[in-house]
Amino acid sequence: QYPSQSALAATWSINRAKEFGLAIAYETRISGGQQMLSPGANLYRTPY
């Protein structure tokens, strides 16, 4: 289990995001997958 991508973004850590991406990519490849499809929350920051 991994935290949500919104929680990952809240860390502001590029290294943590890279580690997250590499871990997801590794698990996808060893399970025989070639791509991942998932829903997106489309969250963004706005001052309004």
C-alpha atoms as a PDB file:
ATOM      1  CA  GLN A   1       0.000   0.000   0.000  1.00  0.00           C
ATOM      2  CA  TYR A   2       1.207   3.456  -0.894  1.00  0.00           C
ATOM      3  CA  PRO A   3      -0.045   6.875   0.212  1.00  0.00           C
ATOM      4  CA  SER A   4      -2.135   8.892  -2.185  1.00  0.00           C
ATOM      5  CA  GLN A   5      -0.325  10.993  -4.738  1.00  0.00           C
ATOM      6  CA  SER A   6      -1.765  14.108  -3.099  1.00  0.00           C
ATOM      7  CA  ALA A   7      -0.061  13.152   0.169  1.00  0.00           C
ATOM      8  CA  LEU A   8       3.159  12.504  -1.725  1.00  0.00           C
ATOM      9  CA  ALA A   9       2.952  15.933  -3.373  1.00  0.00           C
ATOM     10  CA  ALA A  10       2.438  17.557   0.032  1.00  0.00           C
ATOM     11  CA  THR A  11       5.935  16.427   1.059  1.00  0.00           C
ATOM     12  CA  TRP A  12       7.514  18.644  -1.648  1.00  0.00           C
ATOM     13  CA  SER A  13      10.240  15.985  -1.905  1.00  0.00           C
ATOM     14  CA  ILE A  14      11.468  15.259  -5.425  1.00  0.00           C
ATOM     15  CA  ASN A  15      13.510  12.305  -4.172  1.00  0.00           C
ATOM     16  CA  ARG A  16      10.498  10.787  -2.412  1.00  0.00           C
ATOM     17  CA  ALA A  17       8.397  11.185  -5.563  1.00  0.00           C
ATOM     18  CA  LYS A  18      11.108   9.502  -7.627  1.00  0.00           C
ATOM     19  CA  GLU A  19      11.312   6.583  -5.160  1.00  0.00           C
ATOM     20  CA  PHE A  20       7.526   6.247  -5.297  1.00  0.00           C
ATOM     21  CA  GLY A  21       7.528   6.172  -9.098  1.00  0.00           C
ATOM     22  CA  LEU A  22      10.335   3.619  -9.253  1.00  0.00           C
ATOM     23  CA  ALA A  23       8.571   1.343  -6.746  1.00  0.00           C
ATOM     24  CA  ILE A  24       5.286   1.478  -8.664  1.00  0.00           C
ATOM     25  CA  ALA A  25       7.111   0.875 -11.956  1.00  0.00           C
ATOM     26  CA  TYR A  26       8.963  -2.124 -10.521  1.00  0.00           C
ATOM     27  CA  GLU A  27       5.779  -3.719  -9.176  1.00  0.00           C
ATOM     28  CA  THR A  28       4.009  -3.153 -12.484  1.00  0.00           C
ATOM     29  CA  ARG A  29       6.840  -4.735 -14.481  1.00  0.00           C
ATOM     30  CA  ILE A  30       7.245  -7.822 -12.259  1.00  0.00           C
ATOM     31  CA  SER A  31       3.513  -8.476 -12.420  1.00  0.00           C
ATOM     32  CA  GLY A  32       3.676  -8.481 -16.226  1.00  0.00           C
ATOM     33  CA  GLY A  33       2.045  -5.119 -16.756  1.00  0.00           C
ATOM     34  CA  GLN A  34       3.090  -2.682 -19.445  1.00  0.00           C
ATOM     35  CA  GLN A  35       0.992   0.281 -18.371  1.00  0.00           C
ATOM     36  CA  MET A  36      -1.071   1.441 -15.407  1.00  0.00           C
ATOM     37  CA  LEU A  37      -4.526   2.916 -15.739  1.00  0.00           C
ATOM     38  CA  SER A  38      -6.132   4.541 -12.726  1.00  0.00           C
ATOM     39  CA  PRO A  39      -8.561   7.320 -11.871  1.00  0.00           C
ATOM     40  CA  GLY A  40      -7.257  10.805 -11.219  1.00  0.00           C
ATOM     41  CA  ALA A  41      -8.486  13.318  -8.684  1.00  0.00           C
ATOM     42  CA  ASN A  42      -7.398  16.363 -10.738  1.00  0.00           C
ATOM     43  CA  LEU A  43      -6.500  18.376  -7.655  1.00  0.00           C
ATOM     44  CA  TYR A  44      -4.678  21.646  -8.044  1.00  0.00           C
ATOM     45  CA  ARG A  45      -3.925  24.676  -5.939  1.00  0.00           C
ATOM     46  CA  THR A  46      -5.645  27.950  -6.635  1.00  0.00           C
ATOM     47  CA  PRO A  47      -5.837  31.204  -4.667  1.00  0.00           C
ATOM     48  CA  TYR A  48      -9.574  31.570  -5.375  1.00  0.00           C
END
